[in-house]
Amino acid sequence: MECGKQYRGRLAPSPTGFLHLGHAATFWAAFARAREHGGVLIFRNEDLDGQRCRPEFVQAMAADLHWYGIEWQEGPDVGGEYGPYVQSERHELYLNAWRELLVGGWIYPCTCSRKELAESASAPHDDNDEPVYPGTCRNQRATTASPGGLNWRFRVPDGERVEFVDGRLGAQSFVAGQDFGDFVVWRRDDVPAYQLAVVVDDAAMRVTEVVRGEDLLRSTARQILLQRALGLETPEYFHCDLMKDHCGVRLAKRHDALSLQKLRNEGVSPERAREMAGAIFAPFTPEK
């Protein structure tokens, strides 16, 4: 981080289920790093998935994290200079970014169905990422001034190497068109996709470091390309280890037994929950 620049981190949960210990450990890392740097921590409600987001999950997110011991200085409940801190209330910001990408020739409409994409997927990929898009619609031209009704994909510069230094994992390098392909930035239901919304919000909220799970490493490369296309600064990144269950499966919101809500209801103390998650108060340090 630049000398003299205030540290600004963020928590960005999505209210599609109850938060579990894996989320808590990652958010604790964000909290610890903000405190270590004497900075500001932002809480942002990423509620763009209208079909899965529910009011009870929204209420539980903040309550569970407060119970766990995490505090923030900006968010839906405390306000702040860079609000609103709820993504569903920031549509115009995303639309402006979509227009800028359209004018710059960075995006194109995609009519491929999920079935067609599944049938055409041939490039290898891991469980944490999507198959490389085969480029079926790459030559389609925009015939509309509004994004609704179609998926819109970002045209990655094939062969360009995207490099960054992760605060925990060190030097990272991905090749556009090989490690990931053209990705969706706007969905046919007229909702911005995760990649675009996160880039716009992190820039608008002046985030200086993004702390999140290491399953999003490739997403970081995608987001750096979007930042370049939109003329935005690239924050620093710190990707945390992923918590797994006793079978070695990465925790997901379906792991109800390890949800913060259930632990609270069972009378588990915050201190015990932090022990269970392997969270500690000491600052996190890069792995050698």
C-alpha atoms as a PDB file:
ATOM      1  CA  MET A   1       0.000   0.000   0.000  1.00  0.00           C
ATOM      2  CA  GLU A   2       1.237   3.498  -0.824  1.00  0.00           C
ATOM      3  CA  CYS A   3       2.924   5.308   2.027  1.00  0.00           C
ATOM      4  CA  GLY A   4       0.516   7.671   3.772  1.00  0.00           C
ATOM      5  CA  LYS A   5      -2.578   6.148   2.192  1.00  0.00           C
ATOM      6  CA  GLN A   6      -5.261   5.028   4.632  1.00  0.00           C
ATOM      7  CA  TYR A   7      -5.922   1.306   4.687  1.00  0.00           C
ATOM      8  CA  ARG A   8      -9.479   0.454   3.665  1.00  0.00           C
ATOM      9  CA  GLY A   9     -10.617  -3.169   3.766  1.00  0.00           C
ATOM     10  CA  ARG A  10     -14.007  -4.755   3.360  1.00  0.00           C
ATOM     11  CA  LEU A  11     -16.321  -7.579   4.316  1.00  0.00           C
ATOM     12  CA  ALA A  12     -18.593  -8.570   1.443  1.00  0.00           C
ATOM     13  CA  PRO A  13     -20.976 -11.374   2.449  1.00  0.00           C
ATOM     14  CA  SER A  14     -23.883 -12.481   0.298  1.00  0.00           C
ATOM     15  CA  PRO A  15     -27.219 -13.200   2.052  1.00  0.00           C
ATOM     16  CA  THR A  16     -27.862 -16.529   0.330  1.00  0.00           C
ATOM     17  CA  GLY A  17     -27.527 -18.616   3.488  1.00  0.00           C
ATOM     18  CA  PHE A  18     -26.200 -18.491   7.036  1.00  0.00           C
ATOM     19  CA  LEU A  19     -22.505 -17.700   7.381  1.00  0.00           C
ATOM     20  CA  HIS A  20     -20.311 -20.618   8.507  1.00  0.00           C
ATOM     21  CA  LEU A  21     -16.951 -20.886  10.229  1.00  0.00           C
ATOM     22  CA  GLY A  22     -15.093 -20.704   6.948  1.00  0.00           C
ATOM     23  CA  HIS A  23     -16.635 -17.311   6.203  1.00  0.00           C
ATOM     24  CA  ALA A  24     -15.890 -16.214   9.756  1.00  0.00           C
ATOM     25  CA  ALA A  25     -12.207 -17.131   9.480  1.00  0.00           C
ATOM     26  CA  THR A  26     -11.818 -15.154   6.249  1.00  0.00           C
ATOM     27  CA  PHE A  27     -13.721 -12.162   7.617  1.00  0.00           C
ATOM     28  CA  TRP A  28     -11.640 -12.333  10.773  1.00  0.00           C
ATOM     29  CA  ALA A  29      -8.525 -12.062   8.604  1.00  0.00           C
ATOM     30  CA  ALA A  30      -9.981  -8.935   6.963  1.00  0.00           C
ATOM     31  CA  PHE A  31     -10.814  -7.510  10.388  1.00  0.00           C
ATOM     32  CA  ALA A  32      -7.350  -8.324  11.755  1.00  0.00           C
ATOM     33  CA  ARG A  33      -5.552  -6.763   8.797  1.00  0.00           C
ATOM     34  CA  ALA A  34      -7.626  -3.576   8.962  1.00  0.00           C
ATOM     35  CA  ARG A  35      -6.868  -3.287  12.665  1.00  0.00           C
ATOM     36  CA  GLU A  36      -3.176  -4.083  12.133  1.00  0.00           C
ATOM     37  CA  HIS A  37      -2.937  -1.197   9.657  1.00  0.00           C
ATOM     38  CA  GLY A  38      -5.008   1.192  11.780  1.00  0.00           C
ATOM     39  CA  GLY A  39      -7.483   1.347   8.920  1.00  0.00           C
ATOM     40  CA  VAL A  40     -11.171   1.275   8.108  1.00  0.00           C
ATOM     41  CA  LEU A  41     -13.263  -1.843   7.559  1.00  0.00           C
ATOM     42  CA  ILE A  42     -16.356  -1.697   5.330  1.00  0.00           C
ATOM     43  CA  PHE A  43     -19.368  -4.017   5.472  1.00  0.00           C
ATOM     44  CA  ARG A  44     -21.039  -4.434   2.062  1.00  0.00           C
ATOM     45  CA  ASN A  45     -24.192  -6.476   1.508  1.00  0.00           C
ATOM     46  CA  GLU A  46     -23.759  -8.273  -1.835  1.00  0.00           C
ATOM     47  CA  ASP A  47     -27.405  -9.083  -2.455  1.00  0.00           C
ATOM     48  CA  LEU A  48     -27.589  -9.210  -6.270  1.00  0.00           C
ATOM     49  CA  ASP A  49     -28.758 -12.841  -6.371  1.00  0.00           C
ATOM     50  CA  GLY A  50     -32.443 -12.005  -6.007  1.00  0.00           C
ATOM     51  CA  GLN A  51     -33.603 -15.628  -6.210  1.00  0.00           C
ATOM     52  CA  ARG A  52     -31.464 -16.843  -3.296  1.00  0.00           C
ATOM     53  CA  CYS A  53     -31.142 -13.777  -1.048  1.00  0.00           C
ATOM     54  CA  ARG A  54     -33.569 -13.717   1.885  1.00  0.00           C
ATOM     55  CA  PRO A  55     -34.273 -11.124   4.605  1.00  0.00           C
ATOM     56  CA  GLU A  56     -33.448 -13.526   7.426  1.00  0.00           C
ATOM     57  CA  PHE A  57     -29.978 -14.076   5.971  1.00  0.00           C
ATOM     58  CA  VAL A  58     -29.425 -10.320   5.710  1.00  0.00           C
ATOM     59  CA  GLN A  59     -30.305  -9.866   9.368  1.00  0.00           C
ATOM     60  CA  ALA A  60     -28.191 -12.832  10.441  1.00  0.00           C
ATOM     61  CA  MET A  61     -25.023 -11.736   8.602  1.00  0.00           C
ATOM     62  CA  ALA A  62     -24.406  -8.613  10.658  1.00  0.00           C
ATOM     63  CA  ALA A  63     -25.659 -10.118  13.928  1.00  0.00           C
ATOM     64  CA  ASP A  64     -23.497 -13.235  13.577  1.00  0.00           C
ATOM     65  CA  LEU A  65     -20.343 -11.309  12.707  1.00  0.00           C
ATOM     66  CA  HIS A  66     -20.853  -8.869  15.576  1.00  0.00           C
ATOM     67  CA  TRP A  67     -21.299 -11.854  17.889  1.00  0.00           C
ATOM     68  CA  TYR A  68     -18.110 -13.390  16.509  1.00  0.00           C
ATOM     69  CA  GLY A  69     -16.224 -10.232  17.506  1.00  0.00           C
ATOM     70  CA  ILE A  70     -15.890  -8.379  14.205  1.00  0.00           C
ATOM     71  CA  GLU A  71     -16.599  -4.649  14.015  1.00  0.00           C
ATOM     72  CA  TRP A  72     -16.676  -2.307  11.033  1.00  0.00           C
ATOM     73  CA  GLN A  73     -16.691   1.443  10.559  1.00  0.00           C
ATOM     74  CA  GLU A  74     -18.836   1.736   7.404  1.00  0.00           C
ATOM     75  CA  GLY A  75     -21.860  -0.257   6.290  1.00  0.00           C
ATOM     76  CA  PRO A  76     -25.655  -0.403   5.982  1.00  0.00           C
ATOM     77  CA  ASP A  77     -26.084  -0.212   9.756  1.00  0.00           C
ATOM     78  CA  VAL A  78     -23.592   2.584  10.471  1.00  0.00           C
ATOM     79  CA  GLY A  79     -23.550   4.604   7.249  1.00  0.00           C
ATOM     80  CA  GLY A  80     -20.479   6.141   5.693  1.00  0.00           C
ATOM     81  CA  GLU A  81     -19.236   8.424   2.958  1.00  0.00           C
ATOM     82  CA  TYR A  82     -19.318   5.860   0.156  1.00  0.00           C
ATOM     83  CA  GLY A  83     -22.784   4.329   0.506  1.00  0.00           C
ATOM     84  CA  PRO A  84     -25.200   2.894  -0.171  1.00  0.00           C
ATOM     85  CA  TYR A  85     -23.552  -0.276   1.121  1.00  0.00           C
ATOM     86  CA  VAL A  86     -26.170  -2.600  -0.388  1.00  0.00           C
ATOM     87  CA  GLN A  87     -25.473  -3.737  -3.947  1.00  0.00           C
ATOM     88  CA  SER A  88     -29.120  -3.826  -5.032  1.00  0.00           C
ATOM     89  CA  GLU A  89     -29.185  -0.058  -4.384  1.00  0.00           C
ATOM     90  CA  ARG A  90     -26.161   0.657  -6.603  1.00  0.00           C
ATOM     91  CA  HIS A  91     -27.594  -0.305 -10.011  1.00  0.00           C
ATOM     92  CA  GLU A  92     -26.826   3.005 -11.724  1.00  0.00           C
ATOM     93  CA  LEU A  93     -23.129   2.746 -10.883  1.00  0.00           C
ATOM     94  CA  TYR A  94     -22.941  -0.678 -12.497  1.00  0.00           C
ATOM     95  CA  LEU A  95     -24.896   0.508 -15.530  1.00  0.00           C
ATOM     96  CA  ASN A  96     -22.475   3.392 -16.056  1.00  0.00           C
ATOM     97  CA  ALA A  97     -19.576   0.925 -16.013  1.00  0.00           C
ATOM     98  CA  TRP A  98     -21.399  -1.323 -18.509  1.00  0.00           C
ATOM     99  CA  ARG A  99     -21.837   1.647 -20.845  1.00  0.00           C
ATOM    100  CA  GLU A 100     -18.152   2.512 -20.570  1.00  0.00           C
ATOM    101  CA  LEU A 101     -17.167  -1.061 -21.431  1.00  0.00           C
ATOM    102  CA  LEU A 102     -19.584  -1.052 -24.367  1.00  0.00           C
ATOM    103  CA  VAL A 103     -18.190   2.196 -25.791  1.00  0.00           C
ATOM    104  CA  GLY A 104     -14.669   0.862 -25.350  1.00  0.00           C
ATOM    105  CA  GLY A 105     -15.489  -2.306 -27.301  1.00  0.00           C
ATOM    106  CA  TRP A 106     -14.698  -4.553 -24.354  1.00  0.00           C
ATOM    107  CA  ILE A 107     -17.991  -6.443 -24.169  1.00  0.00           C
ATOM    108  CA  TYR A 108     -20.348  -8.270 -26.499  1.00  0.00           C
ATOM    109  CA  PRO A 109     -23.806  -9.874 -26.242  1.00  0.00           C
ATOM    110  CA  CYS A 110     -23.925 -13.641 -25.717  1.00  0.00           C
ATOM    111  CA  THR A 111     -26.962 -15.761 -26.552  1.00  0.00           C
ATOM    112  CA  CYS A 112     -25.504 -19.129 -25.517  1.00  0.00           C
ATOM    113  CA  SER A 113     -27.710 -21.189 -23.229  1.00  0.00           C
ATOM    114  CA  ARG A 114     -26.389 -23.059 -20.205  1.00  0.00           C
ATOM    115  CA  LYS A 115     -26.924 -26.320 -22.050  1.00  0.00           C
ATOM    116  CA  GLU A 116     -24.915 -25.114 -25.045  1.00  0.00           C
ATOM    117  CA  LEU A 117     -22.112 -23.954 -22.790  1.00  0.00           C
ATOM    118  CA  ALA A 118     -22.021 -27.283 -20.967  1.00  0.00           C
ATOM    119  CA  GLU A 119     -21.905 -29.210 -24.243  1.00  0.00           C
ATOM    120  CA  SER A 120     -19.133 -27.048 -25.708  1.00  0.00           C
ATOM    121  CA  ALA A 121     -16.927 -27.019 -22.609  1.00  0.00           C
ATOM    122  CA  SER A 122     -13.710 -28.823 -23.385  1.00  0.00           C
ATOM    123  CA  ALA A 123     -10.983 -26.888 -21.599  1.00  0.00           C
ATOM    124  CA  PRO A 124      -9.878 -28.354 -18.250  1.00  0.00           C
ATOM    125  CA  HIS A 125     -10.949 -26.487 -15.133  1.00  0.00           C
ATOM    126  CA  ASP A 126     -11.115 -27.110 -11.422  1.00  0.00           C
ATOM    127  CA  ASP A 127     -14.150 -27.182  -9.169  1.00  0.00           C
ATOM    128  CA  ASN A 128     -13.571 -23.584  -8.074  1.00  0.00           C
ATOM    129  CA  ASP A 129     -13.870 -22.095 -11.544  1.00  0.00           C
ATOM    130  CA  GLU A 130     -15.910 -22.135 -14.717  1.00  0.00           C
ATOM    131  CA  PRO A 131     -14.871 -23.732 -18.038  1.00  0.00           C
ATOM    132  CA  VAL A 132     -13.118 -21.492 -20.562  1.00  0.00           C
ATOM    133  CA  TYR A 133     -15.753 -19.938 -22.832  1.00  0.00           C
ATOM    134  CA  PRO A 134     -15.283 -21.228 -26.413  1.00  0.00           C
ATOM    135  CA  GLY A 135     -15.918 -17.816 -28.001  1.00  0.00           C
ATOM    136  CA  THR A 136     -19.119 -18.778 -29.810  1.00  0.00           C
ATOM    137  CA  CYS A 137     -20.591 -15.263 -29.729  1.00  0.00           C
ATOM    138  CA  ARG A 138     -17.357 -13.255 -29.837  1.00  0.00           C
ATOM    139  CA  ASN A 139     -18.182 -11.690 -33.196  1.00  0.00           C
ATOM    140  CA  GLN A 140     -21.673 -10.561 -32.236  1.00  0.00           C
ATOM    141  CA  ARG A 141     -22.220  -6.817 -32.245  1.00  0.00           C
ATOM    142  CA  ALA A 142     -24.283  -4.803 -29.826  1.00  0.00           C
ATOM    143  CA  THR A 143     -27.624  -3.677 -31.259  1.00  0.00           C
ATOM    144  CA  THR A 144     -29.015  -2.168 -28.067  1.00  0.00           C
ATOM    145  CA  ALA A 145     -28.149   0.658 -25.694  1.00  0.00           C
ATOM    146  CA  SER A 146     -29.362  -1.260 -22.653  1.00  0.00           C
ATOM    147  CA  PRO A 147     -28.050  -4.557 -21.250  1.00  0.00           C
ATOM    148  CA  GLY A 148     -31.262  -6.360 -20.238  1.00  0.00           C
ATOM    149  CA  GLY A 149     -32.363  -9.587 -21.944  1.00  0.00           C
ATOM    150  CA  LEU A 150     -28.888 -10.818 -22.877  1.00  0.00           C
ATOM    151  CA  ASN A 151     -25.755 -12.014 -21.205  1.00  0.00           C
ATOM    152  CA  TRP A 152     -22.816  -9.687 -21.856  1.00  0.00           C
ATOM    153  CA  ARG A 153     -19.282 -11.028 -21.865  1.00  0.00           C
ATOM    154  CA  PHE A 154     -15.956  -9.272 -21.387  1.00  0.00           C
ATOM    155  CA  ARG A 155     -13.599  -9.985 -24.284  1.00  0.00           C
ATOM    156  CA  VAL A 156     -10.323 -10.976 -22.621  1.00  0.00           C
ATOM    157  CA  PRO A 157      -7.077 -10.117 -24.428  1.00  0.00           C
ATOM    158  CA  ASP A 158      -6.014 -13.627 -25.446  1.00  0.00           C
ATOM    159  CA  GLY A 159      -2.485 -14.482 -24.399  1.00  0.00           C
ATOM    160  CA  GLU A 160      -2.067 -11.521 -22.050  1.00  0.00           C
ATOM    161  CA  ARG A 161      -0.451 -12.467 -18.775  1.00  0.00           C
ATOM    162  CA  VAL A 162      -2.080 -11.031 -15.662  1.00  0.00           C
ATOM    163  CA  GLU A 163       0.290 -10.878 -12.714  1.00  0.00           C
ATOM    164  CA  PHE A 164      -0.092  -9.714  -9.137  1.00  0.00           C
ATOM    165  CA  VAL A 165       1.518 -10.358  -5.772  1.00  0.00           C
ATOM    166  CA  ASP A 166      -0.803 -11.881  -3.205  1.00  0.00           C
ATOM    167  CA  GLY A 167      -0.245 -10.898   0.425  1.00  0.00           C
ATOM    168  CA  ARG A 168      -0.285 -14.527   1.548  1.00  0.00           C
ATOM    169  CA  LEU A 169       0.512 -16.657  -1.491  1.00  0.00           C
ATOM    170  CA  GLY A 170       3.091 -14.450  -3.191  1.00  0.00           C
ATOM    171  CA  ALA A 171       3.490 -13.967  -6.947  1.00  0.00           C
ATOM    172  CA  GLN A 172       0.531 -15.081  -9.072  1.00  0.00           C
ATOM    173  CA  SER A 173       0.294 -15.318 -12.845  1.00  0.00           C
ATOM    174  CA  PHE A 174      -2.613 -16.193 -15.153  1.00  0.00           C
ATOM    175  CA  VAL A 175      -2.903 -16.138 -18.934  1.00  0.00           C
ATOM    176  CA  ALA A 176      -6.105 -14.715 -20.400  1.00  0.00           C
ATOM    177  CA  GLY A 177      -7.730 -17.096 -22.843  1.00  0.00           C
ATOM    178  CA  GLN A 178      -5.986 -20.098 -21.291  1.00  0.00           C
ATOM    179  CA  ASP A 179      -6.565 -20.000 -17.546  1.00  0.00           C
ATOM    180  CA  PHE A 180      -9.920 -18.281 -18.054  1.00  0.00           C
ATOM    181  CA  GLY A 181     -11.957 -17.106 -21.001  1.00  0.00           C
ATOM    182  CA  ASP A 182     -14.468 -14.376 -21.825  1.00  0.00           C
ATOM    183  CA  PHE A 183     -16.618 -13.949 -18.720  1.00  0.00           C
ATOM    184  CA  VAL A 184     -20.076 -12.570 -18.031  1.00  0.00           C
ATOM    185  CA  VAL A 185     -20.297  -9.021 -16.681  1.00  0.00           C
ATOM    186  CA  TRP A 186     -24.063  -8.545 -17.085  1.00  0.00           C
ATOM    187  CA  ARG A 187     -26.770 -11.196 -16.878  1.00  0.00           C
ATOM    188  CA  ARG A 188     -29.818 -11.604 -19.069  1.00  0.00           C
ATOM    189  CA  ASP A 189     -32.081 -10.858 -16.073  1.00  0.00           C
ATOM    190  CA  ASP A 190     -30.665  -7.297 -16.129  1.00  0.00           C
ATOM    191  CA  VAL A 191     -28.420  -7.771 -13.110  1.00  0.00           C
ATOM    192  CA  PRO A 192     -24.670  -7.053 -13.113  1.00  0.00           C
ATOM    193  CA  ALA A 193     -22.534 -10.140 -12.616  1.00  0.00           C
ATOM    194  CA  TYR A 194     -20.266 -10.579  -9.599  1.00  0.00           C
ATOM    195  CA  GLN A 195     -17.056  -9.628 -11.419  1.00  0.00           C
ATOM    196  CA  LEU A 196     -18.311  -6.222 -12.571  1.00  0.00           C
ATOM    197  CA  ALA A 197     -20.169  -5.306  -9.387  1.00  0.00           C
ATOM    198  CA  VAL A 198     -17.182  -6.090  -7.167  1.00  0.00           C
ATOM    199  CA  VAL A 199     -14.775  -4.060  -9.302  1.00  0.00           C
ATOM    200  CA  VAL A 200     -17.094  -1.055  -9.387  1.00  0.00           C
ATOM    201  CA  ASP A 201     -17.813  -1.185  -5.654  1.00  0.00           C
ATOM    202  CA  ASP A 202     -14.221  -1.718  -4.515  1.00  0.00           C
ATOM    203  CA  ALA A 203     -13.130   1.291  -6.574  1.00  0.00           C
ATOM    204  CA  ALA A 204     -16.030   3.511  -5.506  1.00  0.00           C
ATOM    205  CA  MET A 205     -15.509   2.627  -1.835  1.00  0.00           C
ATOM    206  CA  ARG A 206     -11.743   3.288  -2.086  1.00  0.00           C
ATOM    207  CA  VAL A 207     -10.816  -0.240  -0.976  1.00  0.00           C
ATOM    208  CA  THR A 208      -7.029  -0.597  -0.743  1.00  0.00           C
ATOM    209  CA  GLU A 209      -6.854  -4.336   0.042  1.00  0.00           C
ATOM    210  CA  VAL A 210      -9.257  -7.161  -0.751  1.00  0.00           C
ATOM    211  CA  VAL A 211      -9.160 -10.087   1.680  1.00  0.00           C
ATOM    212  CA  ARG A 212     -11.044 -13.223   0.561  1.00  0.00           C
ATOM    213  CA  GLY A 213     -10.738 -16.963  -0.055  1.00  0.00           C
ATOM    214  CA  GLU A 214      -8.119 -18.441  -2.358  1.00  0.00           C
ATOM    215  CA  ASP A 215     -10.846 -19.981  -4.530  1.00  0.00           C
ATOM    216  CA  LEU A 216     -11.147 -16.486  -6.063  1.00  0.00           C
ATOM    217  CA  LEU A 217      -7.585 -16.212  -7.357  1.00  0.00           C
ATOM    218  CA  ARG A 218      -8.655 -16.495 -10.989  1.00  0.00           C
ATOM    219  CA  SER A 219     -11.419 -14.000 -10.342  1.00  0.00           C
ATOM    220  CA  THR A 220      -8.739 -11.565  -9.235  1.00  0.00           C
ATOM    221  CA  ALA A 221      -7.083 -11.863 -12.656  1.00  0.00           C
ATOM    222  CA  ARG A 222     -10.445 -11.205 -14.331  1.00  0.00           C
ATOM    223  CA  GLN A 223     -11.090  -8.224 -12.118  1.00  0.00           C
ATOM    224  CA  ILE A 224      -7.675  -6.727 -12.834  1.00  0.00           C
ATOM    225  CA  LEU A 225      -8.535  -6.800 -16.539  1.00  0.00           C
ATOM    226  CA  LEU A 226     -11.816  -5.013 -15.800  1.00  0.00           C
ATOM    227  CA  GLN A 227      -9.990  -2.430 -13.687  1.00  0.00           C
ATOM    228  CA  ARG A 228      -7.630  -1.738 -16.576  1.00  0.00           C
ATOM    229  CA  ALA A 229     -10.487  -1.415 -19.059  1.00  0.00           C
ATOM    230  CA  LEU A 230     -12.337   1.012 -16.774  1.00  0.00           C
ATOM    231  CA  GLY A 231      -9.239   2.986 -15.797  1.00  0.00           C
ATOM    232  CA  LEU A 232      -9.520   2.034 -12.118  1.00  0.00           C
ATOM    233  CA  GLU A 233      -6.792   1.464  -9.559  1.00  0.00           C
ATOM    234  CA  THR A 234      -5.987  -2.115  -8.606  1.00  0.00           C
ATOM    235  CA  PRO A 235      -6.081  -2.776  -4.852  1.00  0.00           C
ATOM    236  CA  GLU A 236      -3.786  -5.191  -3.083  1.00  0.00           C
ATOM    237  CA  TYR A 237      -5.002  -8.744  -2.525  1.00  0.00           C
ATOM    238  CA  PHE A 238      -4.761 -11.259   0.306  1.00  0.00           C
ATOM    239  CA  HIS A 239      -6.292 -14.687  -0.350  1.00  0.00           C
ATOM    240  CA  CYS A 240      -6.955 -16.854   2.705  1.00  0.00           C
ATOM    241  CA  ASP A 241      -6.744 -20.614   2.996  1.00  0.00           C
ATOM    242  CA  LEU A 242     -10.087 -22.398   2.654  1.00  0.00           C
ATOM    243  CA  MET A 243     -11.588 -24.249   5.580  1.00  0.00           C
ATOM    244  CA  LYS A 244     -12.589 -27.879   4.935  1.00  0.00           C
ATOM    245  CA  ASP A 245     -14.691 -30.395   6.810  1.00  0.00           C
ATOM    246  CA  HIS A 246     -13.479 -33.719   8.211  1.00  0.00           C
ATOM    247  CA  CYS A 247     -13.874 -35.270   4.740  1.00  0.00           C
ATOM    248  CA  GLY A 248     -11.683 -32.654   3.113  1.00  0.00           C
ATOM    249  CA  VAL A 249     -14.622 -30.905   1.426  1.00  0.00           C
ATOM    250  CA  ARG A 250     -14.547 -27.123   1.362  1.00  0.00           C
ATOM    251  CA  LEU A 251     -17.170 -25.618   3.669  1.00  0.00           C
ATOM    252  CA  ALA A 252     -20.274 -24.249   1.998  1.00  0.00           C
ATOM    253  CA  LYS A 253     -23.491 -22.741   3.290  1.00  0.00           C
ATOM    254  CA  ARG A 254     -25.048 -26.191   3.227  1.00  0.00           C
ATOM    255  CA  HIS A 255     -22.819 -27.085   6.215  1.00  0.00           C
ATOM    256  CA  ASP A 256     -25.498 -26.007   8.662  1.00  0.00           C
ATOM    257  CA  ALA A 257     -23.817 -27.706  11.621  1.00  0.00           C
ATOM    258  CA  LEU A 258     -20.935 -25.239  11.334  1.00  0.00           C
ATOM    259  CA  SER A 259     -23.031 -22.106  10.750  1.00  0.00           C
ATOM    260  CA  LEU A 260     -22.511 -19.214  13.142  1.00  0.00           C
ATOM    261  CA  GLN A 261     -26.267 -19.077  13.678  1.00  0.00           C
ATOM    262  CA  LYS A 262     -26.397 -22.670  14.884  1.00  0.00           C
ATOM    263  CA  LEU A 263     -23.339 -22.271  17.096  1.00  0.00           C
ATOM    264  CA  ARG A 264     -24.878 -19.187  18.702  1.00  0.00           C
ATOM    265  CA  ASN A 265     -28.162 -20.984  19.304  1.00  0.00           C
ATOM    266  CA  GLU A 266     -26.310 -23.885  20.917  1.00  0.00           C
ATOM    267  CA  GLY A 267     -24.641 -21.528  23.388  1.00  0.00           C
ATOM    268  CA  VAL A 268     -21.133 -21.731  21.956  1.00  0.00           C
ATOM    269  CA  SER A 269     -19.091 -18.710  23.017  1.00  0.00           C
ATOM    270  CA  PRO A 270     -17.474 -16.402  20.435  1.00  0.00           C
ATOM    271  CA  GLU A 271     -14.077 -17.325  21.847  1.00  0.00           C
ATOM    272  CA  ARG A 272     -14.757 -21.025  21.330  1.00  0.00           C
ATOM    273  CA  ALA A 273     -16.052 -20.366  17.817  1.00  0.00           C
ATOM    274  CA  ARG A 274     -12.854 -18.522  16.968  1.00  0.00           C
ATOM    275  CA  GLU A 275     -10.830 -21.428  18.291  1.00  0.00           C
ATOM    276  CA  MET A 276     -12.856 -23.792  16.124  1.00  0.00           C
ATOM    277  CA  ALA A 277     -12.192 -21.675  13.064  1.00  0.00           C
ATOM    278  CA  GLY A 278      -8.499 -21.423  13.820  1.00  0.00           C
ATOM    279  CA  ALA A 279      -8.825 -17.637  13.981  1.00  0.00           C
ATOM    280  CA  ILE A 280      -6.321 -15.761  16.113  1.00  0.00           C
ATOM    281  CA  PHE A 281      -5.877 -12.152  17.164  1.00  0.00           C
ATOM    282  CA  ALA A 282      -2.248 -11.965  16.003  1.00  0.00           C
ATOM    283  CA  PRO A 283      -1.698 -10.306  12.594  1.00  0.00           C
ATOM    284  CA  PHE A 284      -1.583 -12.619   9.606  1.00  0.00           C
ATOM    285  CA  THR A 285       1.788 -12.994   7.898  1.00  0.00           C
ATOM    286  CA  PRO A 286       2.638 -14.130   4.364  1.00  0.00           C
ATOM    287  CA  GLU A 287       3.526 -17.765   3.883  1.00  0.00           C
ATOM    288  CA  LYS A 288       7.154 -18.438   3.034  1.00  0.00           C
END
